[in-house]
Amino acid sequence: QVQLVESGGGLVQAGGSLRLSCAASGSISRVNAMGWYRQAPGKQRELVAVITSGGSTNYVDFVKGRFTISRDNAKNTVYLQMNSLKPEDTAVYYCNVEIGVVGLRRYWGQGTQVTVSS
């Protein structure tokens, strides 16, 4: 079994910063792509950023230049540094991790609330 534990959410004023972490533990053969999604009230969950096992990154347009995704392979942990936060960034943020060599599976974190006040 695999567990993902997220941390780092909270309340911040517009223009501020937060850093999210997501650590994977358990029966892990190999960690492949790691990503962050978010879901605002009344909206569908949407991709924010993804990082491959080789370190390549991809961001959606609305966070480019403000958010940075990174990973520590030794710790099976993915991070999301969020700068210049806006009220529209308010959402529950979820990490998503693909694990395996064959029989790939994706796991979700429990979610962490990020609230940006204006």
Protein backbone atom coordinates (compact mmCIF):
# COMPACT_ATOMS: atom_id res chain seq x y z
CA GLN A 1 0.00 0.00 0.00
CA VAL A 2 1.11 3.57 -0.71
CA GLN A 3 0.36 6.65 1.35
CA LEU A 4 0.70 10.27 0.31
CA VAL A 5 0.87 12.88 3.05
CA GLU A 6 0.51 16.54 2.14
CA SER A 7 1.44 19.57 4.18
CA GLY A 8 1.99 23.29 3.82
CA GLY A 9 -1.42 24.74 3.07
CA GLY A 10 -2.89 27.66 4.94
CA LEU A 11 -4.18 31.21 4.81
CA VAL A 12 -2.11 33.90 3.12
CA GLN A 13 -2.70 37.40 1.82
CA ALA A 14 -2.64 38.16 -1.88
CA GLY A 15 0.92 38.49 -3.08
CA GLY A 16 2.20 36.08 -0.46
CA SER A 17 3.82 32.68 -0.76
CA LEU A 18 3.26 29.12 0.39
CA ARG A 19 5.16 25.89 -0.12
CA LEU A 20 3.30 22.60 -0.35
CA SER A 21 4.91 19.22 0.24
CA CYS A 22 3.73 15.71 -0.54
CA ALA A 23 5.64 12.68 0.71
CA ALA A 24 5.02 9.18 -0.58
CA SER A 25 5.67 6.14 1.59
CA GLY A 26 4.86 2.44 1.68
CA SER A 27 5.32 -0.21 -1.00
CA ILE A 28 7.10 1.87 -3.62
CA SER A 29 8.94 0.21 -6.47
CA ARG A 30 9.50 3.34 -8.51
CA VAL A 31 8.06 6.85 -8.44
CA ASN A 32 7.36 8.17 -11.91
CA ALA A 33 5.54 11.43 -12.63
CA MET A 34 4.45 13.59 -9.69
CA GLY A 35 1.96 16.39 -9.96
CA TRP A 36 -0.26 18.88 -8.26
CA TYR A 37 -3.94 19.47 -8.94
CA ARG A 38 -6.41 21.83 -7.36
CA GLN A 39 -10.15 22.03 -6.89
CA ALA A 40 -11.98 25.23 -6.07
CA PRO A 41 -15.53 25.19 -4.66
CA GLY A 42 -18.04 24.35 -7.35
CA LYS A 43 -15.36 23.61 -9.93
CA GLN A 44 -13.73 20.52 -11.33
CA ARG A 45 -10.32 19.39 -10.24
CA GLU A 46 -7.66 20.80 -12.58
CA LEU A 47 -4.00 20.17 -13.22
CA VAL A 48 -1.58 22.76 -11.90
CA ALA A 49 1.88 21.33 -12.59
CA VAL A 50 3.66 18.06 -13.22
CA ILE A 51 7.25 16.86 -12.98
CA THR A 52 8.63 13.70 -14.55
CA SER A 53 11.09 11.29 -12.98
CA GLY A 54 13.79 12.97 -15.06
CA GLY A 55 12.92 16.41 -13.75
CA SER A 56 11.07 17.83 -16.74
CA THR A 57 8.28 20.16 -15.70
CA ASN A 58 5.06 21.41 -17.20
CA TYR A 59 2.71 24.10 -15.92
CA VAL A 60 -0.71 25.33 -16.81
CA ASP A 61 -0.77 28.89 -18.10
CA PHE A 62 -2.38 30.46 -15.05
CA VAL A 63 0.54 29.56 -12.76
CA LYS A 64 3.49 29.98 -15.10
CA GLY A 65 6.06 32.31 -13.64
CA ARG A 66 4.48 32.14 -10.17
CA PHE A 67 4.58 28.45 -9.14
CA THR A 68 7.52 26.05 -9.20
CA ILE A 69 7.27 22.29 -8.90
CA SER A 70 10.25 20.27 -7.72
CA ARG A 71 11.00 16.85 -6.29
CA ASP A 72 13.43 15.08 -4.01
CA ASN A 73 13.77 11.54 -5.31
CA ALA A 74 15.65 10.35 -2.22
CA LYS A 75 12.66 11.34 -0.10
CA ASN A 76 9.92 10.47 -2.62
CA THR A 77 8.62 13.98 -2.08
CA VAL A 78 7.22 16.57 -4.43
CA TYR A 79 6.98 20.28 -3.65
CA LEU A 80 5.01 23.20 -5.01
CA GLN A 81 6.41 26.64 -4.31
CA MET A 82 3.65 29.18 -4.84
CA ASN A 83 4.57 32.85 -5.10
CA SER A 84 2.53 35.95 -5.95
CA LEU A 85 -0.60 34.18 -4.83
CA LYS A 86 -3.95 35.52 -5.96
CA PRO A 87 -7.43 35.08 -4.47
CA GLU A 88 -8.34 32.93 -7.47
CA ASP A 89 -5.66 30.45 -6.38
CA THR A 90 -7.87 29.56 -3.41
CA ALA A 91 -8.60 25.83 -3.61
CA VAL A 92 -7.87 22.45 -2.13
CA TYR A 93 -4.56 21.28 -3.57
CA TYR A 94 -3.97 17.58 -4.19
CA CYS A 95 -0.78 15.79 -5.08
CA ASN A 96 -0.89 12.91 -7.53
CA VAL A 97 1.88 10.38 -7.93
CA GLU A 98 2.36 7.58 -10.43
CA ILE A 99 4.11 4.56 -8.96
CA GLY A 100 5.33 1.30 -10.42
CA VAL A 101 7.42 -0.38 -13.05
CA VAL A 102 4.69 -2.58 -14.49
CA GLY A 103 1.08 -2.23 -13.50
CA LEU A 104 1.38 1.53 -13.00
CA ARG A 105 -0.95 3.09 -10.45
CA ARG A 106 -1.73 6.66 -9.54
CA TYR A 107 -2.32 7.77 -5.99
CA TRP A 108 -3.88 10.92 -4.55
CA GLY A 109 -2.98 12.86 -1.45
CA GLN A 110 -5.63 13.85 1.06
CA GLY A 111 -5.67 17.47 -0.06
CA THR A 112 -4.54 20.64 1.65
CA GLN A 113 -6.50 23.88 1.77
CA VAL A 114 -4.94 27.03 0.36
CA THR A 115 -6.84 30.24 0.99
CA VAL A 116 -5.68 33.56 -0.42
CA SER A 117 -7.33 36.68 0.97
CA SER A 118 -7.58 39.91 -0.98
